[in-house]
């Protein structure tokens, strides 16, 4: 398994790319947590599937490890002619000013929640060709991470914070979405103690690896509604925030956000591990 320091080093390669959910580091960390906490049989099955990466014919987007698989669905976005149809699978918009509804905004299964269910079924189907199950593994690993990023679920009719201009310390000219996806996540992961990538205790798993897809999305929606938007806009009610002035996240706001991000990534990794065990164990 790729070491945590190597994962951190990979961040420098993606800082100049368009915003991706949890960016490269966040997704790789979710995958690494899952790999560290699955059963031995599941880990062996994952490695067997990864041997079929060449059959995907995506030479610019390799998949040699579970961390690579976690980042693969963002990497292939650059090949729009082949993969553009999957763009809407990375999020599930749930307006924070309306009631939470898992079935809303998911026409024909084009949302993260529906694709997680689909990919779990495909991954568990031993009758399918290994390369198809490997593709399902990558999408499943990635989308579980996506729905734990609050702005990929709860949003305020602003494209998940992409329309909200914001500065983050020495990184001006950002938006709220990219800050939570990348800059805040990088700081949270790199400063976590104990490190996020480790073998978790049975008690930790029982506390963090809970619920199903609807629960996970509802959590993200509530974090956006009750914490993320008020934190960004001085405690204002999210429904009162429409195209506000440009914001700057204070050091105090950043410190408040870090433990929230750490827990979302931990939950994503451990919940993914549980799904992988169910499909492959």
C-alpha atoms as a PDB file:
ATOM      1  CA  UNK A   1       0.000   0.000   0.000  1.00  0.00           C
ATOM      2  CA  UNK A   2       1.289   3.431  -0.940  1.00  0.00           C
ATOM      3  CA  UNK A   3       2.599   5.205   2.122  1.00  0.00           C
ATOM      4  CA  UNK A   4       0.878   8.230   3.556  1.00  0.00           C
ATOM      5  CA  UNK A   5       3.856  10.463   2.741  1.00  0.00           C
ATOM      6  CA  UNK A   6       3.713   9.367  -0.888  1.00  0.00           C
ATOM      7  CA  UNK A   7       0.021  10.225  -0.980  1.00  0.00           C
ATOM      8  CA  UNK A   8       0.828  13.674   0.364  1.00  0.00           C
ATOM      9  CA  UNK A   9       3.478  14.170  -2.294  1.00  0.00           C
ATOM     10  CA  UNK A  10       0.887  13.442  -4.961  1.00  0.00           C
ATOM     11  CA  UNK A  11      -0.995  16.618  -4.015  1.00  0.00           C
ATOM     12  CA  UNK A  12       1.533  18.825  -5.790  1.00  0.00           C
ATOM     13  CA  UNK A  13       0.615  17.204  -9.089  1.00  0.00           C
ATOM     14  CA  UNK A  14      -3.045  18.164  -8.860  1.00  0.00           C
ATOM     15  CA  UNK A  15      -3.097  21.673  -7.406  1.00  0.00           C
ATOM     16  CA  UNK A  16      -3.212  23.186 -10.887  1.00  0.00           C
ATOM     17  CA  UNK A  17      -6.110  20.998 -12.079  1.00  0.00           C
ATOM     18  CA  UNK A  18      -9.828  21.863 -11.960  1.00  0.00           C
ATOM     19  CA  UNK A  19     -11.548  21.269  -8.619  1.00  0.00           C
ATOM     20  CA  UNK A  20     -12.413  17.655  -7.924  1.00  0.00           C
ATOM     21  CA  UNK A  21     -14.301  16.238  -4.966  1.00  0.00           C
ATOM     22  CA  UNK A  22     -11.748  15.887  -2.176  1.00  0.00           C
ATOM     23  CA  UNK A  23      -9.173  16.409  -4.931  1.00  0.00           C
ATOM     24  CA  UNK A  24      -6.624  13.671  -5.426  1.00  0.00           C
ATOM     25  CA  UNK A  25      -5.316  13.503  -1.855  1.00  0.00           C
ATOM     26  CA  UNK A  26      -8.721  13.200  -0.223  1.00  0.00           C
ATOM     27  CA  UNK A  27      -9.888  10.393  -2.486  1.00  0.00           C
ATOM     28  CA  UNK A  28      -6.623   8.517  -2.139  1.00  0.00           C
ATOM     29  CA  UNK A  29      -6.867   8.797   1.623  1.00  0.00           C
ATOM     30  CA  UNK A  30     -10.404   7.372   1.598  1.00  0.00           C
ATOM     31  CA  UNK A  31      -9.170   4.445  -0.500  1.00  0.00           C
ATOM     32  CA  UNK A  32      -6.141   3.889   1.728  1.00  0.00           C
ATOM     33  CA  UNK A  33      -8.290   3.857   4.884  1.00  0.00           C
ATOM     34  CA  UNK A  34     -10.588   1.292   3.303  1.00  0.00           C
ATOM     35  CA  UNK A  35      -7.705  -0.919   2.168  1.00  0.00           C
ATOM     36  CA  UNK A  36      -6.166  -0.863   5.640  1.00  0.00           C
ATOM     37  CA  UNK A  37      -9.426  -1.968   7.237  1.00  0.00           C
ATOM     38  CA  UNK A  38     -10.938  -4.583   4.913  1.00  0.00           C
ATOM     39  CA  UNK A  39     -10.690  -8.285   5.616  1.00  0.00           C
ATOM     40  CA  UNK A  40      -7.649 -10.134   4.186  1.00  0.00           C
ATOM     41  CA  UNK A  41      -9.795 -11.952   1.628  1.00  0.00           C
ATOM     42  CA  UNK A  42     -11.258  -8.677   0.426  1.00  0.00           C
ATOM     43  CA  UNK A  43      -7.787  -7.158   0.129  1.00  0.00           C
ATOM     44  CA  UNK A  44      -6.644 -10.111  -1.986  1.00  0.00           C
ATOM     45  CA  UNK A  45      -9.718  -9.837  -4.224  1.00  0.00           C
ATOM     46  CA  UNK A  46      -9.053  -6.135  -4.790  1.00  0.00           C
ATOM     47  CA  UNK A  47      -5.468  -6.836  -5.794  1.00  0.00           C
ATOM     48  CA  UNK A  48      -6.667  -9.528  -8.209  1.00  0.00           C
ATOM     49  CA  UNK A  49      -9.018  -7.057  -9.873  1.00  0.00           C
ATOM     50  CA  UNK A  50      -6.332  -4.381 -10.104  1.00  0.00           C
ATOM     51  CA  UNK A  51      -4.286  -6.736 -12.291  1.00  0.00           C
ATOM     52  CA  UNK A  52      -6.834  -6.102 -15.053  1.00  0.00           C
ATOM     53  CA  UNK A  53      -6.216  -2.336 -15.241  1.00  0.00           C
ATOM     54  CA  UNK A  54      -4.689  -2.601 -18.722  1.00  0.00           C
ATOM     55  CA  UNK A  55      -8.005  -3.824 -20.104  1.00  0.00           C
ATOM     56  CA  UNK A  56      -9.618  -0.483 -19.271  1.00  0.00           C
ATOM     57  CA  UNK A  57      -7.416   1.182 -21.918  1.00  0.00           C
ATOM     58  CA  UNK A  58      -6.846   4.364 -19.901  1.00  0.00           C
ATOM     59  CA  UNK A  59      -3.033   4.631 -20.048  1.00  0.00           C
ATOM     60  CA  UNK A  60      -3.019   8.205 -18.724  1.00  0.00           C
ATOM     61  CA  UNK A  61      -5.074   7.115 -15.720  1.00  0.00           C
ATOM     62  CA  UNK A  62      -3.375   4.123 -14.158  1.00  0.00           C
ATOM     63  CA  UNK A  63      -4.950   1.926 -11.522  1.00  0.00           C
ATOM     64  CA  UNK A  64      -2.192  -0.028  -9.817  1.00  0.00           C
ATOM     65  CA  UNK A  65      -3.447   0.490  -6.246  1.00  0.00           C
ATOM     66  CA  UNK A  66      -6.725   1.150  -4.465  1.00  0.00           C
ATOM     67  CA  UNK A  67      -5.556   4.754  -4.076  1.00  0.00           C
ATOM     68  CA  UNK A  68      -5.208   5.016  -7.860  1.00  0.00           C
ATOM     69  CA  UNK A  69      -8.673   3.484  -8.241  1.00  0.00           C
ATOM     70  CA  UNK A  70     -10.109   6.108  -5.889  1.00  0.00           C
ATOM     71  CA  UNK A  71      -8.703   8.925  -8.053  1.00  0.00           C
ATOM     72  CA  UNK A  72      -9.381   7.272 -11.438  1.00  0.00           C
ATOM     73  CA  UNK A  73     -12.945   8.610 -11.973  1.00  0.00           C
ATOM     74  CA  UNK A  74     -11.654  12.187 -11.753  1.00  0.00           C
ATOM     75  CA  UNK A  75      -8.636  11.430 -13.918  1.00  0.00           C
ATOM     76  CA  UNK A  76     -10.764  10.121 -16.810  1.00  0.00           C
ATOM     77  CA  UNK A  77     -12.798  13.348 -16.902  1.00  0.00           C
ATOM     78  CA  UNK A  78     -10.173  14.745 -19.275  1.00  0.00           C
ATOM     79  CA  UNK A  79     -11.354  12.224 -21.913  1.00  0.00           C
ATOM     80  CA  UNK A  80     -14.748  13.810 -22.424  1.00  0.00           C
ATOM     81  CA  UNK A  81     -15.409  11.979 -25.663  1.00  0.00           C
ATOM     82  CA  UNK A  82     -15.440   8.698 -23.802  1.00  0.00           C
ATOM     83  CA  UNK A  83     -16.480   9.437 -20.228  1.00  0.00           C
ATOM     84  CA  UNK A  84     -18.580  12.653 -20.212  1.00  0.00           C
ATOM     85  CA  UNK A  85     -21.724  10.665 -19.472  1.00  0.00           C
ATOM     86  CA  UNK A  86     -20.413   9.960 -15.950  1.00  0.00           C
ATOM     87  CA  UNK A  87     -19.982  13.603 -14.896  1.00  0.00           C
ATOM     88  CA  UNK A  88     -23.330  13.838 -13.091  1.00  0.00           C
ATOM     89  CA  UNK A  89     -22.550  10.733 -11.041  1.00  0.00           C
ATOM     90  CA  UNK A  90     -20.118  12.629  -8.795  1.00  0.00           C
ATOM     91  CA  UNK A  91     -22.736  14.589  -6.845  1.00  0.00           C
ATOM     92  CA  UNK A  92     -26.361  14.580  -5.718  1.00  0.00           C
ATOM     93  CA  UNK A  93     -27.674  18.108  -5.311  1.00  0.00           C
ATOM     94  CA  UNK A  94     -29.883  18.529  -2.252  1.00  0.00           C
ATOM     95  CA  UNK A  95     -30.850  22.203  -1.778  1.00  0.00           C
ATOM     96  CA  UNK A  96     -30.337  23.186   1.845  1.00  0.00           C
ATOM     97  CA  UNK A  97     -33.400  25.442   1.700  1.00  0.00           C
ATOM     98  CA  UNK A  98     -35.687  22.511   0.897  1.00  0.00           C
ATOM     99  CA  UNK A  99     -36.482  19.242   2.609  1.00  0.00           C
ATOM    100  CA  UNK A 100     -33.985  16.423   2.120  1.00  0.00           C
ATOM    101  CA  UNK A 101     -35.227  13.963  -0.527  1.00  0.00           C
ATOM    102  CA  UNK A 102     -32.965  11.129  -1.654  1.00  0.00           C
ATOM    103  CA  UNK A 103     -35.064  10.537  -4.794  1.00  0.00           C
ATOM    104  CA  UNK A 104     -34.882  14.129  -5.980  1.00  0.00           C
ATOM    105  CA  UNK A 105     -32.447  15.321  -8.643  1.00  0.00           C
ATOM    106  CA  UNK A 106     -31.506  11.804  -9.701  1.00  0.00           C
ATOM    107  CA  UNK A 107     -33.223  11.300 -13.025  1.00  0.00           C
ATOM    108  CA  UNK A 108     -32.435   7.942 -14.637  1.00  0.00           C
ATOM    109  CA  UNK A 109     -29.945   7.142 -11.902  1.00  0.00           C
ATOM    110  CA  UNK A 110     -27.665  10.047 -12.755  1.00  0.00           C
ATOM    111  CA  UNK A 111     -26.495  10.876  -9.256  1.00  0.00           C
ATOM    112  CA  UNK A 112     -23.958   9.574  -6.763  1.00  0.00           C
ATOM    113  CA  UNK A 113     -26.441   7.682  -4.564  1.00  0.00           C
ATOM    114  CA  UNK A 114     -27.841   5.598  -7.418  1.00  0.00           C
ATOM    115  CA  UNK A 115     -24.389   4.878  -8.811  1.00  0.00           C
ATOM    116  CA  UNK A 116     -23.074   3.686  -5.441  1.00  0.00           C
ATOM    117  CA  UNK A 117     -25.884   1.116  -5.316  1.00  0.00           C
ATOM    118  CA  UNK A 118     -25.259   0.106  -8.925  1.00  0.00           C
ATOM    119  CA  UNK A 119     -21.502  -0.252  -8.549  1.00  0.00           C
ATOM    120  CA  UNK A 120     -21.845  -2.304  -5.371  1.00  0.00           C
ATOM    121  CA  UNK A 121     -24.057  -4.776  -7.260  1.00  0.00           C
ATOM    122  CA  UNK A 122     -21.670  -4.948 -10.209  1.00  0.00           C
ATOM    123  CA  UNK A 123     -18.651  -5.440  -7.990  1.00  0.00           C
ATOM    124  CA  UNK A 124     -20.334  -8.353  -6.210  1.00  0.00           C
ATOM    125  CA  UNK A 125     -21.362 -10.095  -9.449  1.00  0.00           C
ATOM    126  CA  UNK A 126     -18.797 -12.858 -10.023  1.00  0.00           C
ATOM    127  CA  UNK A 127     -20.322 -13.586 -13.447  1.00  0.00           C
ATOM    128  CA  UNK A 128     -19.120 -10.272 -14.842  1.00  0.00           C
ATOM    129  CA  UNK A 129     -15.768  -9.885 -16.583  1.00  0.00           C
ATOM    130  CA  UNK A 130     -13.078  -8.779 -14.108  1.00  0.00           C
ATOM    131  CA  UNK A 131     -12.457  -5.537 -16.001  1.00  0.00           C
ATOM    132  CA  UNK A 132     -16.099  -4.517 -15.519  1.00  0.00           C
ATOM    133  CA  UNK A 133     -15.898  -5.282 -11.832  1.00  0.00           C
ATOM    134  CA  UNK A 134     -12.676  -3.271 -11.626  1.00  0.00           C
ATOM    135  CA  UNK A 135     -14.424  -0.275 -13.183  1.00  0.00           C
ATOM    136  CA  UNK A 136     -17.215  -0.684 -10.629  1.00  0.00           C
ATOM    137  CA  UNK A 137     -14.619  -0.853  -7.837  1.00  0.00           C
ATOM    138  CA  UNK A 138     -13.103   2.459  -8.945  1.00  0.00           C
ATOM    139  CA  UNK A 139     -16.433   4.232  -9.272  1.00  0.00           C
ATOM    140  CA  UNK A 140     -17.694   2.841  -5.961  1.00  0.00           C
ATOM    141  CA  UNK A 141     -14.524   3.880  -4.121  1.00  0.00           C
ATOM    142  CA  UNK A 142     -14.706   7.359  -5.604  1.00  0.00           C
ATOM    143  CA  UNK A 143     -18.420   8.027  -5.185  1.00  0.00           C
ATOM    144  CA  UNK A 144     -18.483   6.941  -1.546  1.00  0.00           C
ATOM    145  CA  UNK A 145     -15.847   9.626  -1.045  1.00  0.00           C
ATOM    146  CA  UNK A 146     -17.879  12.131  -3.039  1.00  0.00           C
ATOM    147  CA  UNK A 147     -21.053  11.871  -0.962  1.00  0.00           C
ATOM    148  CA  UNK A 148     -19.052  12.524   2.195  1.00  0.00           C
ATOM    149  CA  UNK A 149     -17.908  15.902   0.856  1.00  0.00           C
ATOM    150  CA  UNK A 150     -20.742  18.132   2.121  1.00  0.00           C
ATOM    151  CA  UNK A 151     -20.868  20.377  -0.947  1.00  0.00           C
ATOM    152  CA  UNK A 152     -21.391  17.394  -3.242  1.00  0.00           C
ATOM    153  CA  UNK A 153     -24.768  16.935  -1.577  1.00  0.00           C
ATOM    154  CA  UNK A 154     -25.968  20.003   0.339  1.00  0.00           C
ATOM    155  CA  UNK A 155     -25.834  23.176  -1.741  1.00  0.00           C
ATOM    156  CA  UNK A 156     -27.521  26.567  -1.996  1.00  0.00           C
ATOM    157  CA  UNK A 157     -28.303  26.751  -5.719  1.00  0.00           C
ATOM    158  CA  UNK A 158     -24.697  27.791  -6.305  1.00  0.00           C
ATOM    159  CA  UNK A 159     -23.280  24.652  -7.929  1.00  0.00           C
ATOM    160  CA  UNK A 160     -22.156  23.296  -4.600  1.00  0.00           C
ATOM    161  CA  UNK A 161     -20.295  26.466  -3.648  1.00  0.00           C
ATOM    162  CA  UNK A 162     -18.538  26.810  -7.013  1.00  0.00           C
ATOM    163  CA  UNK A 163     -20.229  30.190  -7.547  1.00  0.00           C
ATOM    164  CA  UNK A 164     -19.186  31.498  -4.138  1.00  0.00           C
ATOM    165  CA  UNK A 165     -15.901  33.397  -4.451  1.00  0.00           C
ATOM    166  CA  UNK A 166     -13.616  32.944  -1.492  1.00  0.00           C
ATOM    167  CA  UNK A 167     -10.022  33.427  -0.400  1.00  0.00           C
ATOM    168  CA  UNK A 168      -8.090  30.944   1.679  1.00  0.00           C
ATOM    169  CA  UNK A 169      -5.021  32.521   3.253  1.00  0.00           C
ATOM    170  CA  UNK A 170      -2.279  32.776   0.643  1.00  0.00           C
ATOM    171  CA  UNK A 171      -4.481  31.121  -1.987  1.00  0.00           C
ATOM    172  CA  UNK A 172      -6.740  33.927  -3.304  1.00  0.00           C
ATOM    173  CA  UNK A 173      -9.154  33.671  -6.192  1.00  0.00           C
ATOM    174  CA  UNK A 174     -10.738  30.397  -5.092  1.00  0.00           C
ATOM    175  CA  UNK A 175     -14.315  29.398  -4.463  1.00  0.00           C
ATOM    176  CA  UNK A 176     -15.969  27.735  -1.493  1.00  0.00           C
ATOM    177  CA  UNK A 177     -16.160  24.371  -3.235  1.00  0.00           C
ATOM    178  CA  UNK A 178     -12.498  24.170  -4.169  1.00  0.00           C
ATOM    179  CA  UNK A 179     -11.431  25.220  -0.670  1.00  0.00           C
ATOM    180  CA  UNK A 180     -13.366  22.375   0.945  1.00  0.00           C
ATOM    181  CA  UNK A 181     -12.388  19.916  -1.790  1.00  0.00           C
ATOM    182  CA  UNK A 182      -8.692  20.567  -1.687  1.00  0.00           C
ATOM    183  CA  UNK A 183      -7.024  23.164   0.483  1.00  0.00           C
ATOM    184  CA  UNK A 184      -8.905  22.494   3.698  1.00  0.00           C
ATOM    185  CA  UNK A 185      -8.826  18.740   3.086  1.00  0.00           C
ATOM    186  CA  UNK A 186      -5.053  18.775   2.527  1.00  0.00           C
ATOM    187  CA  UNK A 187      -4.493  20.666   5.762  1.00  0.00           C
ATOM    188  CA  UNK A 188      -6.868  18.419   7.706  1.00  0.00           C
ATOM    189  CA  UNK A 189      -5.361  15.170   6.419  1.00  0.00           C
ATOM    190  CA  UNK A 190      -1.734  16.233   6.822  1.00  0.00           C
ATOM    191  CA  UNK A 191      -2.241  17.488  10.384  1.00  0.00           C
ATOM    192  CA  UNK A 192      -4.441  14.652  11.675  1.00  0.00           C
ATOM    193  CA  UNK A 193      -3.268  12.916  14.831  1.00  0.00           C
ATOM    194  CA  UNK A 194      -3.418   9.995  14.902  1.00  0.00           C
ATOM    195  CA  UNK A 195      -3.019   9.745  11.108  1.00  0.00           C
ATOM    196  CA  UNK A 196      -6.199   8.969   9.192  1.00  0.00           C
ATOM    197  CA  UNK A 197      -4.665   6.029   7.314  1.00  0.00           C
ATOM    198  CA  UNK A 198      -4.363   3.290   9.925  1.00  0.00           C
ATOM    199  CA  UNK A 199      -6.089   0.184  11.220  1.00  0.00           C
ATOM    200  CA  UNK A 200      -9.068   1.352  13.255  1.00  0.00           C
ATOM    201  CA  UNK A 201     -10.282  -0.369  16.402  1.00  0.00           C
ATOM    202  CA  UNK A 202     -13.547  -2.282  16.559  1.00  0.00           C
ATOM    203  CA  UNK A 203     -14.974   0.485  18.722  1.00  0.00           C
ATOM    204  CA  UNK A 204     -14.022   3.152  16.177  1.00  0.00           C
ATOM    205  CA  UNK A 205     -15.549   1.159  13.348  1.00  0.00           C
ATOM    206  CA  UNK A 206     -18.753   0.668  15.305  1.00  0.00           C
ATOM    207  CA  UNK A 207     -18.965   4.432  15.854  1.00  0.00           C
ATOM    208  CA  UNK A 208     -17.965   5.644  12.397  1.00  0.00           C
ATOM    209  CA  UNK A 209     -18.963   2.958   9.864  1.00  0.00           C
ATOM    210  CA  UNK A 210     -22.692   3.351  10.373  1.00  0.00           C
ATOM    211  CA  UNK A 211     -25.815   3.807   8.267  1.00  0.00           C
ATOM    212  CA  UNK A 212     -26.518   3.518   4.568  1.00  0.00           C
ATOM    213  CA  UNK A 213     -26.315   5.794   1.554  1.00  0.00           C
ATOM    214  CA  UNK A 214     -29.323   7.900   2.563  1.00  0.00           C
ATOM    215  CA  UNK A 215     -27.827   8.450   6.018  1.00  0.00           C
ATOM    216  CA  UNK A 216     -24.472   9.465   4.537  1.00  0.00           C
ATOM    217  CA  UNK A 217     -26.027  12.000   2.182  1.00  0.00           C
ATOM    218  CA  UNK A 218     -28.315  13.374   4.878  1.00  0.00           C
ATOM    219  CA  UNK A 219     -25.253  13.934   7.088  1.00  0.00           C
ATOM    220  CA  UNK A 220     -23.505  15.894   4.328  1.00  0.00           C
ATOM    221  CA  UNK A 221     -26.647  17.910   3.647  1.00  0.00           C
ATOM    222  CA  UNK A 222     -27.002  18.778   7.335  1.00  0.00           C
ATOM    223  CA  UNK A 223     -23.335  19.771   7.610  1.00  0.00           C
ATOM    224  CA  UNK A 224     -23.741  22.128   4.643  1.00  0.00           C
ATOM    225  CA  UNK A 225     -26.969  23.582   6.044  1.00  0.00           C
ATOM    226  CA  UNK A 226     -26.053  23.876   9.709  1.00  0.00           C
ATOM    227  CA  UNK A 227     -22.274  24.346   9.665  1.00  0.00           C
ATOM    228  CA  UNK A 228     -20.527  24.953   6.355  1.00  0.00           C
ATOM    229  CA  UNK A 229     -22.555  27.865   4.948  1.00  0.00           C
ATOM    230  CA  UNK A 230     -23.052  29.609   8.320  1.00  0.00           C
ATOM    231  CA  UNK A 231     -19.323  29.243   9.002  1.00  0.00           C
ATOM    232  CA  UNK A 232     -18.496  30.916   5.688  1.00  0.00           C
ATOM    233  CA  UNK A 233     -21.033  33.730   5.971  1.00  0.00           C
ATOM    234  CA  UNK A 234     -20.715  34.905   9.548  1.00  0.00           C
ATOM    235  CA  UNK A 235     -23.423  32.753  11.071  1.00  0.00           C
ATOM    236  CA  UNK A 236     -26.140  33.786   8.650  1.00  0.00           C
ATOM    237  CA  UNK A 237     -28.885  31.325   7.857  1.00  0.00           C
ATOM    238  CA  UNK A 238     -27.962  29.513   4.634  1.00  0.00           C
ATOM    239  CA  UNK A 239     -31.289  30.313   2.990  1.00  0.00           C
ATOM    240  CA  UNK A 240     -30.520  34.023   3.334  1.00  0.00           C
ATOM    241  CA  UNK A 241     -27.235  33.686   1.417  1.00  0.00           C
ATOM    242  CA  UNK A 242     -27.608  34.328  -2.313  1.00  0.00           C
ATOM    243  CA  UNK A 243     -24.514  35.411  -4.213  1.00  0.00           C
ATOM    244  CA  UNK A 244     -22.947  37.209  -1.203  1.00  0.00           C
ATOM    245  CA  UNK A 245     -19.840  39.336  -1.220  1.00  0.00           C
ATOM    246  CA  UNK A 246     -16.529  37.560  -1.595  1.00  0.00           C
ATOM    247  CA  UNK A 247     -15.534  35.854   1.616  1.00  0.00           C
ATOM    248  CA  UNK A 248     -12.246  35.084   3.316  1.00  0.00           C
ATOM    249  CA  UNK A 249     -12.096  32.082   5.620  1.00  0.00           C
ATOM    250  CA  UNK A 250     -10.555  33.183   8.905  1.00  0.00           C
ATOM    251  CA  UNK A 251      -8.032  31.099  10.799  1.00  0.00           C
ATOM    252  CA  UNK A 252     -10.728  30.439  13.385  1.00  0.00           C
ATOM    253  CA  UNK A 253     -13.131  29.153  10.724  1.00  0.00           C
ATOM    254  CA  UNK A 254     -10.427  26.928   9.255  1.00  0.00           C
ATOM    255  CA  UNK A 255      -9.671  25.413  12.657  1.00  0.00           C
ATOM    256  CA  UNK A 256     -13.364  24.690  13.184  1.00  0.00           C
ATOM    257  CA  UNK A 257     -13.644  22.990   9.790  1.00  0.00           C
ATOM    258  CA  UNK A 258     -10.637  20.668  10.111  1.00  0.00           C
ATOM    259  CA  UNK A 259     -12.134  18.107  12.534  1.00  0.00           C
ATOM    260  CA  UNK A 260     -15.328  18.003  10.466  1.00  0.00           C
ATOM    261  CA  UNK A 261     -13.356  17.144   7.332  1.00  0.00           C
ATOM    262  CA  UNK A 262     -11.237  14.557   9.131  1.00  0.00           C
ATOM    263  CA  UNK A 263     -14.313  12.752  10.390  1.00  0.00           C
ATOM    264  CA  UNK A 264     -15.996  12.824   6.962  1.00  0.00           C
ATOM    265  CA  UNK A 265     -12.931  11.197   5.392  1.00  0.00           C
ATOM    266  CA  UNK A 266     -12.670   8.631   8.196  1.00  0.00           C
ATOM    267  CA  UNK A 267     -16.320   7.739   7.863  1.00  0.00           C
ATOM    268  CA  UNK A 268     -16.012   7.469   4.082  1.00  0.00           C
ATOM    269  CA  UNK A 269     -13.026   5.114   4.310  1.00  0.00           C
ATOM    270  CA  UNK A 270     -14.523   2.845   6.962  1.00  0.00           C
ATOM    271  CA  UNK A 271     -17.955   2.748   5.343  1.00  0.00           C
ATOM    272  CA  UNK A 272     -16.309   1.914   2.041  1.00  0.00           C
ATOM    273  CA  UNK A 273     -14.372  -0.895   3.722  1.00  0.00           C
ATOM    274  CA  UNK A 274     -17.652  -2.313   4.994  1.00  0.00           C
ATOM    275  CA  UNK A 275     -19.165  -2.189   1.487  1.00  0.00           C
ATOM    276  CA  UNK A 276     -16.093  -3.823  -0.036  1.00  0.00           C
ATOM    277  CA  UNK A 277     -16.197  -6.628   2.505  1.00  0.00           C
ATOM    278  CA  UNK A 278     -19.869  -7.200   1.677  1.00  0.00           C
ATOM    279  CA  UNK A 279     -19.161  -7.338  -2.055  1.00  0.00           C
ATOM    280  CA  UNK A 280     -15.835  -9.202  -2.074  1.00  0.00           C
ATOM    281  CA  UNK A 281     -15.256 -10.795   1.315  1.00  0.00           C
END
